[in-house]
PDB file of all heavy atoms in Angstrom:
ATOM      1  N   GLN A   1      92.189 127.056  52.672  1.00  0.00           N
ATOM      2  CA  GLN A   1      93.334 126.985  53.586  1.00  0.00           C
ATOM      3  C   GLN A   1      94.622 127.352  52.849  1.00  0.00           C
ATOM      4  O   GLN A   1      94.825 126.908  51.721  1.00  0.00           O
ATOM      5  CB  GLN A   1      93.466 125.564  54.170  1.00  0.00           C
ATOM      6  CG  GLN A   1      92.316 125.133  55.046  1.00  0.00           C
ATOM      7  CD  GLN A   1      92.145 126.025  56.269  1.00  0.00           C
ATOM      8  OE1 GLN A   1      93.107 126.489  56.852  1.00  0.00           O
ATOM      9  NE2 GLN A   1      90.894 126.297  56.637  1.00  0.00           N
ATOM     10  N   PRO A   2      95.502 128.142  53.482  1.00  0.00           N
ATOM     11  CA  PRO A   2      96.756 128.491  52.803  1.00  0.00           C
ATOM     12  C   PRO A   2      97.723 127.311  52.763  1.00  0.00           C
ATOM     13  O   PRO A   2      97.702 126.439  53.637  1.00  0.00           O
ATOM     14  CB  PRO A   2      97.314 129.621  53.666  1.00  0.00           C
ATOM     15  CG  PRO A   2      96.769 129.370  55.036  1.00  0.00           C
ATOM     16  CD  PRO A   2      95.408 128.760  54.819  1.00  0.00           C
ATOM     17  N   THR A   3      98.541 127.277  51.732  1.00  0.00           N
ATOM     18  CA  THR A   3      99.624 126.295  51.620  1.00  0.00           C
ATOM     19  C   THR A   3     100.930 127.064  51.457  1.00  0.00           C
ATOM     20  O   THR A   3     100.937 128.296  51.411  1.00  0.00           O
ATOM     21  CB  THR A   3      99.435 125.386  50.390  1.00  0.00           C
ATOM     22  OG1 THR A   3      99.513 126.218  49.207  1.00  0.00           O
ATOM     23  CG2 THR A   3      98.103 124.656  50.423  1.00  0.00           C
ATOM     24  N   GLU A   4     102.036 126.328  51.319  1.00  0.00           N
ATOM     25  CA  GLU A   4     103.324 126.995  51.111  1.00  0.00           C
ATOM     26  C   GLU A   4     103.351 127.799  49.808  1.00  0.00           C
ATOM     27  O   GLU A   4     104.094 128.774  49.697  1.00  0.00           O
ATOM     28  CB  GLU A   4     104.498 126.008  51.176  1.00  0.00           C
ATOM     29  CG  GLU A   4     104.317 124.708  50.456  1.00  0.00           C
ATOM     30  CD  GLU A   4     103.823 123.578  51.359  1.00  0.00           C
ATOM     31  OE1 GLU A   4     102.897 123.805  52.178  1.00  0.00           O
ATOM     32  OE2 GLU A   4     104.355 122.467  51.244  1.00  0.00           O
ATOM     33  N   LEU A   5     102.509 127.425  48.836  1.00  0.00           N
ATOM     34  CA  LEU A   5     102.416 128.230  47.608  1.00  0.00           C
ATOM     35  C   LEU A   5     101.913 129.637  47.934  1.00  0.00           C
ATOM     36  O   LEU A   5     102.441 130.626  47.415  1.00  0.00           O
ATOM     37  CB  LEU A   5     101.481 127.556  46.597  1.00  0.00           C
ATOM     38  CG  LEU A   5     101.160 128.380  45.333  1.00  0.00           C
ATOM     39  CD1 LEU A   5     102.421 128.664  44.515  1.00  0.00           C
ATOM     40  CD2 LEU A   5     100.109 127.668  44.475  1.00  0.00           C
ATOM     41  N   ASP A   6     100.905 129.735  48.804  1.00  0.00           N
ATOM     42  CA  ASP A   6     100.378 131.052  49.187  1.00  0.00           C
ATOM     43  C   ASP A   6     101.453 131.896  49.864  1.00  0.00           C
ATOM     44  O   ASP A   6     101.573 133.092  49.599  1.00  0.00           O
ATOM     45  CB  ASP A   6      99.176 130.875  50.124  1.00  0.00           C
ATOM     46  CG  ASP A   6      98.020 130.173  49.439  1.00  0.00           C
ATOM     47  OD1 ASP A   6      97.262 130.832  48.717  1.00  0.00           O
ATOM     48  OD2 ASP A   6      97.894 128.943  49.605  1.00  0.00           O
ATOM     49  N   ALA A   7     102.250 131.252  50.710  1.00  0.00           N
ATOM     50  CA  ALA A   7     103.330 131.980  51.396  1.00  0.00           C
ATOM     51  C   ALA A   7     104.357 132.491  50.395  1.00  0.00           C
ATOM     52  O   ALA A   7     104.803 133.641  50.469  1.00  0.00           O
ATOM     53  CB  ALA A   7     103.997 131.066  52.428  1.00  0.00           C
ATOM     54  N   LEU A   8     104.724 131.639  49.443  1.00  0.00           N
ATOM     55  CA  LEU A   8     105.730 132.011  48.441  1.00  0.00           C
ATOM     56  C   LEU A   8     105.236 133.144  47.543  1.00  0.00           C
ATOM     57  O   LEU A   8     105.942 134.133  47.323  1.00  0.00           O
ATOM     58  CB  LEU A   8     106.098 130.791  47.591  1.00  0.00           C
ATOM     59  CG  LEU A   8     107.144 131.029  46.493  1.00  0.00           C
ATOM     60  CD1 LEU A   8     108.499 131.373  47.097  1.00  0.00           C
ATOM     61  CD2 LEU A   8     107.263 129.805  45.585  1.00  0.00           C
ATOM     62  N   VAL A   9     104.012 133.008  47.045  1.00  0.00           N
ATOM     63  CA  VAL A   9     103.449 134.037  46.163  1.00  0.00           C
ATOM     64  C   VAL A   9     103.320 135.352  46.918  1.00  0.00           C
ATOM     65  O   VAL A   9     103.684 136.419  46.411  1.00  0.00           O
ATOM     66  CB  VAL A   9     102.081 133.592  45.595  1.00  0.00           C
ATOM     67  CG1 VAL A   9     101.406 134.740  44.842  1.00  0.00           C
ATOM     68  CG2 VAL A   9     102.263 132.392  44.667  1.00  0.00           C
ATOM     69  N   PHE A  10     102.822 135.292  48.155  1.00  0.00           N
ATOM     70  CA  PHE A  10     102.689 136.511  48.953  1.00  0.00           C
ATOM     71  C   PHE A  10     104.044 137.195  49.140  1.00  0.00           C
ATOM     72  O   PHE A  10     104.168 138.412  48.963  1.00  0.00           O
ATOM     73  CB  PHE A  10     102.076 136.194  50.321  1.00  0.00           C
ATOM     74  CG  PHE A  10     102.120 137.359  51.271  1.00  0.00           C
ATOM     75  CD1 PHE A  10     101.258 138.434  51.122  1.00  0.00           C
ATOM     76  CD2 PHE A  10     103.059 137.404  52.300  1.00  0.00           C
ATOM     77  CE1 PHE A  10     101.307 139.526  51.986  1.00  0.00           C
ATOM     78  CE2 PHE A  10     103.123 138.489  53.168  1.00  0.00           C
ATOM     79  CZ  PHE A  10     102.247 139.553  53.003  1.00  0.00           C
ATOM     80  N   GLY A  11     105.061 136.415  49.509  1.00  0.00           N
ATOM     81  CA  GLY A  11     106.381 136.994  49.743  1.00  0.00           C
ATOM     82  C   GLY A  11     106.868 137.809  48.559  1.00  0.00           C
ATOM     83  O   GLY A  11     107.335 138.938  48.711  1.00  0.00           O
ATOM     84  N   HIS A  12     106.722 137.240  47.361  1.00  0.00           N
ATOM     85  CA  HIS A  12     107.221 137.929  46.170  1.00  0.00           C
ATOM     86  C   HIS A  12     106.308 139.071  45.743  1.00  0.00           C
ATOM     87  O   HIS A  12     106.785 140.181  45.484  1.00  0.00           O
ATOM     88  CB  HIS A  12     107.417 136.924  45.030  1.00  0.00           C
ATOM     89  CG  HIS A  12     108.639 136.088  45.230  1.00  0.00           C
ATOM     90  ND1 HIS A  12     109.905 136.514  44.885  1.00  0.00           N
ATOM     91  CD2 HIS A  12     108.806 134.853  45.773  1.00  0.00           C
ATOM     92  CE1 HIS A  12     110.784 135.589  45.199  1.00  0.00           C
ATOM     93  NE2 HIS A  12     110.146 134.575  45.745  1.00  0.00           N
ATOM     94  N   LEU A  13     105.018 138.826  45.664  1.00  0.00           N
ATOM     95  CA  LEU A  13     104.117 139.879  45.169  1.00  0.00           C
ATOM     96  C   LEU A  13     104.047 141.064  46.131  1.00  0.00           C
ATOM     97  O   LEU A  13     104.078 142.223  45.713  1.00  0.00           O
ATOM     98  CB  LEU A  13     102.712 139.326  44.912  1.00  0.00           C
ATOM     99  CG  LEU A  13     102.593 138.273  43.805  1.00  0.00           C
ATOM    100  CD1 LEU A  13     101.116 137.969  43.538  1.00  0.00           C
ATOM    101  CD2 LEU A  13     103.287 138.700  42.524  1.00  0.00           C
ATOM    102  N   PHE A  14     103.955 140.793  47.432  1.00  0.00           N
ATOM    103  CA  PHE A  14     103.880 141.889  48.400  1.00  0.00           C
ATOM    104  C   PHE A  14     105.150 142.741  48.329  1.00  0.00           C
ATOM    105  O   PHE A  14     105.096 143.973  48.368  1.00  0.00           O
ATOM    106  CB  PHE A  14     103.688 141.355  49.819  1.00  0.00           C
ATOM    107  CG  PHE A  14     103.460 142.452  50.836  1.00  0.00           C
ATOM    108  CD1 PHE A  14     102.178 142.839  51.175  1.00  0.00           C
ATOM    109  CD2 PHE A  14     104.532 143.114  51.428  1.00  0.00           C
ATOM    110  CE1 PHE A  14     101.963 143.869  52.094  1.00  0.00           C
ATOM    111  CE2 PHE A  14     104.334 144.139  52.345  1.00  0.00           C
ATOM    112  CZ  PHE A  14     103.035 144.512  52.680  1.00  0.00           C
ATOM    113  N   THR A  15     106.301 142.079  48.215  1.00  0.00           N
ATOM    114  CA  THR A  15     107.565 142.821  48.179  1.00  0.00           C
ATOM    115  C   THR A  15     107.670 143.647  46.900  1.00  0.00           C
ATOM    116  O   THR A  15     108.112 144.799  46.929  1.00  0.00           O
ATOM    117  CB  THR A  15     108.754 141.857  48.319  1.00  0.00           C
ATOM    118  OG1 THR A  15     108.569 141.059  49.497  1.00  0.00           O
ATOM    119  CG2 THR A  15     110.067 142.615  48.458  1.00  0.00           C
ATOM    120  N   ILE A  16     107.241 143.077  45.785  1.00  0.00           N
ATOM    121  CA  ILE A  16     107.235 143.842  44.520  1.00  0.00           C
ATOM    122  C   ILE A  16     106.324 145.059  44.639  1.00  0.00           C
ATOM    123  O   ILE A  16     106.667 146.161  44.212  1.00  0.00           O
ATOM    124  CB  ILE A  16     106.800 142.937  43.342  1.00  0.00           C
ATOM    125  CG1 ILE A  16     107.924 141.943  42.996  1.00  0.00           C
ATOM    126  CG2 ILE A  16     106.426 143.769  42.113  1.00  0.00           C
ATOM    127  CD1 ILE A  16     107.505 140.851  42.009  1.00  0.00           C
ATOM    128  N   LEU A  17     105.160 144.869  45.259  1.00  0.00           N
ATOM    129  CA  LEU A  17     104.187 145.959  45.371  1.00  0.00           C
ATOM    130  C   LEU A  17     104.637 147.068  46.318  1.00  0.00           C
ATOM    131  O   LEU A  17     104.193 148.209  46.188  1.00  0.00           O
ATOM    132  CB  LEU A  17     102.836 145.408  45.853  1.00  0.00           C
ATOM    133  CG  LEU A  17     102.021 144.616  44.827  1.00  0.00           C
ATOM    134  CD1 LEU A  17     100.901 143.852  45.512  1.00  0.00           C
ATOM    135  CD2 LEU A  17     101.463 145.535  43.746  1.00  0.00           C
ATOM    136  N   THR A  18     105.496 146.752  47.261  1.00  0.00           N
ATOM    137  CA  THR A  18     105.820 147.727  48.313  1.00  0.00           C
ATOM    138  C   THR A  18     107.278 148.198  48.286  1.00  0.00           C
ATOM    139  O   THR A  18     107.711 148.897  49.200  1.00  0.00           O
ATOM    140  CB  THR A  18     105.517 147.140  49.709  1.00  0.00           C
ATOM    141  OG1 THR A  18     106.241 145.925  49.865  1.00  0.00           O
ATOM    142  CG2 THR A  18     104.035 146.903  49.893  1.00  0.00           C
ATOM    143  N   THR A  19     108.036 147.823  47.269  1.00  0.00           N
ATOM    144  CA  THR A  19     109.437 148.237  47.196  1.00  0.00           C
ATOM    145  C   THR A  19     109.611 149.352  46.170  1.00  0.00           C
ATOM    146  O   THR A  19     109.163 149.223  45.029  1.00  0.00           O
ATOM    147  CB  THR A  19     110.337 147.036  46.828  1.00  0.00           C
ATOM    148  OG1 THR A  19     110.193 146.032  47.828  1.00  0.00           O
ATOM    149  CG2 THR A  19     111.798 147.450  46.750  1.00  0.00           C
ATOM    150  N   GLN A  20     110.260 150.416  46.591  1.00  0.00           N
ATOM    151  CA  GLN A  20     110.513 151.549  45.698  1.00  0.00           C
ATOM    152  C   GLN A  20     111.694 151.226  44.784  1.00  0.00           C
ATOM    153  O   GLN A  20     112.798 151.005  45.265  1.00  0.00           O
ATOM    154  CB  GLN A  20     110.829 152.803  46.515  1.00  0.00           C
ATOM    155  CG  GLN A  20     110.960 154.061  45.679  1.00  0.00           C
ATOM    156  CD  GLN A  20     109.599 154.511  45.131  1.00  0.00           C
ATOM    157  OE1 GLN A  20     108.690 154.779  45.906  1.00  0.00           O
ATOM    158  NE2 GLN A  20     109.463 154.565  43.827  1.00  0.00           N
ATOM    159  N   LEU A  21     111.437 151.182  43.494  1.00  0.00           N
ATOM    160  CA  LEU A  21     112.500 150.954  42.513  1.00  0.00           C
ATOM    161  C   LEU A  21     112.648 152.206  41.657  1.00  0.00           C
ATOM    162  O   LEU A  21     112.022 153.229  41.915  1.00  0.00           O
ATOM    163  CB  LEU A  21     112.163 149.721  41.656  1.00  0.00           C
ATOM    164  CG  LEU A  21     112.090 148.386  42.417  1.00  0.00           C
ATOM    165  CD1 LEU A  21     111.531 147.292  41.529  1.00  0.00           C
ATOM    166  CD2 LEU A  21     113.469 147.991  42.958  1.00  0.00           C
ATOM    167  N   ILE A  22     113.485 152.131  40.623  1.00  0.00           N
ATOM    168  CA  ILE A  22     113.701 153.288  39.744  1.00  0.00           C
ATOM    169  C   ILE A  22     112.394 153.697  39.070  1.00  0.00           C
ATOM    170  O   ILE A  22     112.055 154.869  38.975  1.00  0.00           O
ATOM    171  CB  ILE A  22     114.764 152.959  38.661  1.00  0.00           C
ATOM    172  CG1 ILE A  22     116.090 152.553  39.321  1.00  0.00           C
ATOM    173  CG2 ILE A  22     114.975 154.148  37.726  1.00  0.00           C
ATOM    174  CD1 ILE A  22     116.756 153.611  40.158  1.00  0.00           C
ATOM    175  N   THR A  23     111.658 152.712  38.585  1.00  0.00           N
ATOM    176  CA  THR A  23     110.335 152.973  38.010  1.00  0.00           C
ATOM    177  C   THR A  23     109.332 152.015  38.654  1.00  0.00           C
ATOM    178  O   THR A  23     109.713 151.091  39.363  1.00  0.00           O
ATOM    179  CB  THR A  23     110.306 152.734  36.483  1.00  0.00           C
ATOM    180  OG1 THR A  23     110.346 151.312  36.240  1.00  0.00           O
ATOM    181  CG2 THR A  23     111.482 153.407  35.779  1.00  0.00           C
ATOM    182  N   ASP A  24     108.052 152.240  38.374  1.00  0.00           N
ATOM    183  CA  ASP A  24     106.996 151.368  38.919  1.00  0.00           C
ATOM    184  C   ASP A  24     106.591 150.270  37.939  1.00  0.00           C
ATOM    185  O   ASP A  24     105.562 149.613  38.144  1.00  0.00           O
ATOM    186  CB  ASP A  24     105.756 152.207  39.278  1.00  0.00           C
ATOM    187  CG  ASP A  24     105.985 153.063  40.504  1.00  0.00           C
ATOM    188  OD1 ASP A  24     106.845 152.692  41.329  1.00  0.00           O
ATOM    189  OD2 ASP A  24     105.322 154.108  40.633  1.00  0.00           O
ATOM    190  N   GLU A  25     107.390 150.053  36.898  1.00  0.00           N
ATOM    191  CA  GLU A  25     106.983 149.089  35.851  1.00  0.00           C
ATOM    192  C   GLU A  25     106.744 147.690  36.407  1.00  0.00           C
ATOM    193  O   GLU A  25     105.799 147.014  36.003  1.00  0.00           O
ATOM    194  CB  GLU A  25     108.050 149.026  34.753  1.00  0.00           C
ATOM    195  CG  GLU A  25     108.126 150.260  33.882  1.00  0.00           C
ATOM    196  CD  GLU A  25     109.260 150.159  32.869  1.00  0.00           C
ATOM    197  OE1 GLU A  25     110.425 150.055  33.283  1.00  0.00           O
ATOM    198  OE2 GLU A  25     108.956 150.164  31.659  1.00  0.00           O
ATOM    199  N   LEU A  26     107.602 147.254  37.332  1.00  0.00           N
ATOM    200  CA  LEU A  26     107.457 145.902  37.874  1.00  0.00           C
ATOM    201  C   LEU A  26     106.180 145.797  38.710  1.00  0.00           C
ATOM    202  O   LEU A  26     105.381 144.873  38.515  1.00  0.00           O
ATOM    203  CB  LEU A  26     108.685 145.541  38.716  1.00  0.00           C
ATOM    204  CG  LEU A  26     108.732 144.102  39.260  1.00  0.00           C
ATOM    205  CD1 LEU A  26     108.753 143.082  38.134  1.00  0.00           C
ATOM    206  CD2 LEU A  26     109.946 143.916  40.178  1.00  0.00           C
ATOM    207  N   SER A  27     105.967 146.744  39.627  1.00  0.00           N
ATOM    208  CA  SER A  27     104.765 146.673  40.481  1.00  0.00           C
ATOM    209  C   SER A  27     103.481 146.856  39.664  1.00  0.00           C
ATOM    210  O   SER A  27     102.441 146.280  39.996  1.00  0.00           O
ATOM    211  CB  SER A  27     104.834 147.702  41.610  1.00  0.00           C
ATOM    212  OG  SER A  27     104.936 149.007  41.103  1.00  0.00           O
ATOM    213  N   GLU A  28     103.563 147.623  38.579  1.00  0.00           N
ATOM    214  CA  GLU A  28     102.378 147.812  37.727  1.00  0.00           C
ATOM    215  C   GLU A  28     101.903 146.493  37.124  1.00  0.00           C
ATOM    216  O   GLU A  28     100.708 146.288  36.908  1.00  0.00           O
ATOM    217  CB  GLU A  28     102.654 148.834  36.623  1.00  0.00           C
ATOM    218  CG  GLU A  28     102.762 150.275  37.106  1.00  0.00           C
ATOM    219  CD  GLU A  28     101.505 150.790  37.800  1.00  0.00           C
ATOM    220  OE1 GLU A  28     100.400 150.412  37.388  1.00  0.00           O
ATOM    221  OE2 GLU A  28     101.648 151.568  38.770  1.00  0.00           O
ATOM    222  N   LYS A  29     102.843 145.604  36.818  1.00  0.00           N
ATOM    223  CA  LYS A  29     102.469 144.288  36.253  1.00  0.00           C
ATOM    224  C   LYS A  29     101.590 143.520  37.240  1.00  0.00           C
ATOM    225  O   LYS A  29     100.630 142.853  36.864  1.00  0.00           O
ATOM    226  CB  LYS A  29     103.725 143.465  35.918  1.00  0.00           C
ATOM    227  CG  LYS A  29     104.572 144.040  34.795  1.00  0.00           C
ATOM    228  CD  LYS A  29     103.828 144.041  33.475  1.00  0.00           C
ATOM    229  CE  LYS A  29     104.675 144.600  32.348  1.00  0.00           C
ATOM    230  NZ  LYS A  29     103.883 144.838  31.126  1.00  0.00           N
ATOM    231  N   VAL A  30     101.931 143.602  38.540  1.00  0.00           N
ATOM    232  CA  VAL A  30     101.146 142.908  39.566  1.00  0.00           C
ATOM    233  C   VAL A  30      99.799 143.605  39.775  1.00  0.00           C
ATOM    234  O   VAL A  30      98.760 142.959  39.909  1.00  0.00           O
ATOM    235  CB  VAL A  30     101.925 142.838  40.898  1.00  0.00           C
ATOM    236  CG1 VAL A  30     101.105 142.094  41.957  1.00  0.00           C
ATOM    237  CG2 VAL A  30     103.280 142.152  40.702  1.00  0.00           C
ATOM    238  N   LYS A  31      99.829 144.941  39.764  1.00  0.00           N
ATOM    239  CA  LYS A  31      98.596 145.714  40.017  1.00  0.00           C
ATOM    240  C   LYS A  31      97.536 145.497  38.942  1.00  0.00           C
ATOM    241  O   LYS A  31      96.366 145.784  39.166  1.00  0.00           O
ATOM    242  CB  LYS A  31      98.929 147.203  40.114  1.00  0.00           C
ATOM    243  CG  LYS A  31      99.618 147.586  41.400  1.00  0.00           C
ATOM    244  CD  LYS A  31      99.925 149.074  41.398  1.00  0.00           C
ATOM    245  CE  LYS A  31     100.763 149.449  42.603  1.00  0.00           C
ATOM    246  NZ  LYS A  31     101.269 150.819  42.497  1.00  0.00           N
ATOM    247  N   ASN A  32      97.942 145.002  37.773  1.00  0.00           N
ATOM    248  CA  ASN A  32      96.975 144.711  36.712  1.00  0.00           C
ATOM    249  C   ASN A  32      96.011 143.592  37.106  1.00  0.00           C
ATOM    250  O   ASN A  32      94.985 143.401  36.449  1.00  0.00           O
ATOM    251  CB  ASN A  32      97.697 144.309  35.419  1.00  0.00           C
ATOM    252  CG  ASN A  32      98.351 145.503  34.737  1.00  0.00           C
ATOM    253  OD1 ASN A  32      97.914 146.634  34.940  1.00  0.00           O
ATOM    254  ND2 ASN A  32      99.386 145.261  33.955  1.00  0.00           N
ATOM    255  N   TYR A  33      96.360 142.838  38.153  1.00  0.00           N
ATOM    256  CA  TYR A  33      95.546 141.680  38.549  1.00  0.00           C
ATOM    257  C   TYR A  33      94.962 141.954  39.938  1.00  0.00           C
ATOM    258  O   TYR A  33      95.616 141.765  40.958  1.00  0.00           O
ATOM    259  CB  TYR A  33      96.408 140.410  38.533  1.00  0.00           C
ATOM    260  CG  TYR A  33      96.949 140.124  37.158  1.00  0.00           C
ATOM    261  CD1 TYR A  33      98.221 140.572  36.788  1.00  0.00           C
ATOM    262  CD2 TYR A  33      96.181 139.448  36.206  1.00  0.00           C
ATOM    263  CE1 TYR A  33      98.715 140.347  35.504  1.00  0.00           C
ATOM    264  CE2 TYR A  33      96.668 139.224  34.928  1.00  0.00           C
ATOM    265  CZ  TYR A  33      97.924 139.673  34.584  1.00  0.00           C
ATOM    266  OH  TYR A  33      98.409 139.450  33.318  1.00  0.00           O
ATOM    267  N   SER A  34      93.712 142.409  39.955  1.00  0.00           N
ATOM    268  CA  SER A  34      93.106 142.854  41.215  1.00  0.00           C
ATOM    269  C   SER A  34      92.962 141.717  42.219  1.00  0.00           C
ATOM    270  O   SER A  34      93.045 141.938  43.431  1.00  0.00           O
ATOM    271  CB  SER A  34      91.735 143.489  40.954  1.00  0.00           C
ATOM    272  OG  SER A  34      90.880 142.574  40.292  1.00  0.00           O
ATOM    273  N   ASN A  35      92.769 140.477  41.733  1.00  0.00           N
ATOM    274  CA  ASN A  35      92.627 139.382  42.706  1.00  0.00           C
ATOM    275  C   ASN A  35      93.961 139.077  43.391  1.00  0.00           C
ATOM    276  O   ASN A  35      93.997 138.632  44.537  1.00  0.00           O
ATOM    277  CB  ASN A  35      92.011 138.126  42.079  1.00  0.00           C
ATOM    278  CG  ASN A  35      92.865 137.492  40.996  1.00  0.00           C
ATOM    279  OD1 ASN A  35      93.712 138.150  40.374  1.00  0.00           O
ATOM    280  ND2 ASN A  35      92.638 136.214  40.733  1.00  0.00           N
ATOM    281  N   LEU A  36      95.091 139.347  42.721  1.00  0.00           N
ATOM    282  CA  LEU A  36      96.400 139.129  43.346  1.00  0.00           C
ATOM    283  C   LEU A  36      96.694 140.198  44.394  1.00  0.00           C
ATOM    284  O   LEU A  36      97.240 139.897  45.468  1.00  0.00           O
ATOM    285  CB  LEU A  36      97.515 139.102  42.291  1.00  0.00           C
ATOM    286  CG  LEU A  36      97.478 137.932  41.292  1.00  0.00           C
ATOM    287  CD1 LEU A  36      98.651 138.024  40.329  1.00  0.00           C
ATOM    288  CD2 LEU A  36      97.479 136.569  42.011  1.00  0.00           C
ATOM    289  N   THR A  37      96.339 141.453  44.102  1.00  0.00           N
ATOM    290  CA  THR A  37      96.572 142.502  45.103  1.00  0.00           C
ATOM    291  C   THR A  37      95.641 142.304  46.305  1.00  0.00           C
ATOM    292  O   THR A  37      96.058 142.502  47.450  1.00  0.00           O
ATOM    293  CB  THR A  37      96.387 143.911  44.501  1.00  0.00           C
ATOM    294  OG1 THR A  37      95.097 144.023  43.909  1.00  0.00           O
ATOM    295  CG2 THR A  37      97.438 144.202  43.443  1.00  0.00           C
ATOM    296  N   ALA A  38      94.402 141.873  46.050  1.00  0.00           N
ATOM    297  CA  ALA A  38      93.471 141.587  47.155  1.00  0.00           C
ATOM    298  C   ALA A  38      93.992 140.424  48.001  1.00  0.00           C
ATOM    299  O   ALA A  38      93.872 140.428  49.239  1.00  0.00           O
ATOM    300  CB  ALA A  38      92.079 141.265  46.604  1.00  0.00           C
ATOM    301  N   PHE A  39      94.566 139.423  47.346  1.00  0.00           N
ATOM    302  CA  PHE A  39      95.180 138.266  48.017  1.00  0.00           C
ATOM    303  C   PHE A  39      96.294 138.744  48.959  1.00  0.00           C
ATOM    304  O   PHE A  39      96.375 138.313  50.114  1.00  0.00           O
ATOM    305  CB  PHE A  39      95.723 137.320  46.935  1.00  0.00           C
ATOM    306  CG  PHE A  39      96.676 136.269  47.417  1.00  0.00           C
ATOM    307  CD1 PHE A  39      96.211 135.090  47.970  1.00  0.00           C
ATOM    308  CD2 PHE A  39      98.055 136.445  47.277  1.00  0.00           C
ATOM    309  CE1 PHE A  39      97.102 134.102  48.393  1.00  0.00           C
ATOM    310  CE2 PHE A  39      98.945 135.468  47.692  1.00  0.00           C
ATOM    311  CZ  PHE A  39      98.467 134.302  48.266  1.00  0.00           C
ATOM    312  N   CYS A  40      97.152 139.645  48.472  1.00  0.00           N
ATOM    313  CA  CYS A  40      98.246 140.175  49.305  1.00  0.00           C
ATOM    314  C   CYS A  40      97.709 140.939  50.508  1.00  0.00           C
ATOM    315  O   CYS A  40      98.202 140.770  51.633  1.00  0.00           O
ATOM    316  CB  CYS A  40      99.160 141.084  48.478  1.00  0.00           C
ATOM    317  SG  CYS A  40     100.183 140.198  47.277  1.00  0.00           S
ATOM    318  N   ARG A  41      96.691 141.759  50.290  1.00  0.00           N
ATOM    319  CA  ARG A  41      96.089 142.515  51.397  1.00  0.00           C
ATOM    320  C   ARG A  41      95.503 141.568  52.442  1.00  0.00           C
ATOM    321  O   ARG A  41      95.635 141.779  53.644  1.00  0.00           O
ATOM    322  CB  ARG A  41      94.982 143.450  50.876  1.00  0.00           C
ATOM    323  CG  ARG A  41      95.493 144.776  50.349  1.00  0.00           C
ATOM    324  CD  ARG A  41      94.356 145.779  50.207  1.00  0.00           C
ATOM    325  NE  ARG A  41      93.336 145.347  49.264  1.00  0.00           N
ATOM    326  CZ  ARG A  41      93.388 145.571  47.951  1.00  0.00           C
ATOM    327  NH1 ARG A  41      94.420 146.197  47.426  1.00  0.00           N
ATOM    328  NH2 ARG A  41      92.418 145.159  47.164  1.00  0.00           N
ATOM    329  N   ARG A  42      94.839 140.512  51.947  1.00  0.00           N
ATOM    330  CA  ARG A  42      94.188 139.551  52.849  1.00  0.00           C
ATOM    331  C   ARG A  42      95.232 138.877  53.750  1.00  0.00           C
ATOM    332  O   ARG A  42      95.040 138.753  54.962  1.00  0.00           O
ATOM    333  CB  ARG A  42      93.442 138.517  52.005  1.00  0.00           C
ATOM    334  CG  ARG A  42      92.425 137.694  52.736  1.00  0.00           C
ATOM    335  CD  ARG A  42      91.407 137.090  51.804  1.00  0.00           C
ATOM    336  NE  ARG A  42      91.976 136.411  50.647  1.00  0.00           N
ATOM    337  CZ  ARG A  42      91.803 136.808  49.386  1.00  0.00           C
ATOM    338  NH1 ARG A  42      91.102 137.888  49.107  1.00  0.00           N
ATOM    339  NH2 ARG A  42      92.340 136.131  48.390  1.00  0.00           N
ATOM    340  N   ILE A  43      96.329 138.426  53.165  1.00  0.00           N
ATOM    341  CA  ILE A  43      97.362 137.743  53.960  1.00  0.00           C
ATOM    342  C   ILE A  43      98.050 138.718  54.900  1.00  0.00           C
ATOM    343  O   ILE A  43      98.338 138.391  56.054  1.00  0.00           O
ATOM    344  CB  ILE A  43      98.365 137.019  53.035  1.00  0.00           C
ATOM    345  CG1 ILE A  43      97.663 135.828  52.384  1.00  0.00           C
ATOM    346  CG2 ILE A  43      99.600 136.563  53.822  1.00  0.00           C
ATOM    347  CD1 ILE A  43      98.539 134.919  51.574  1.00  0.00           C
TER     348      ILE A  43
END
């Protein structure tokens, strides 16, 4: 079951993954963890 932690983590990770910045260095840090990206897709 999701908790407020899931909502908070999703908010930040999804936004990092989908926001165009000067470089992709920030989103690459998240993409290194496949279970976190799968978590974002699931939510």
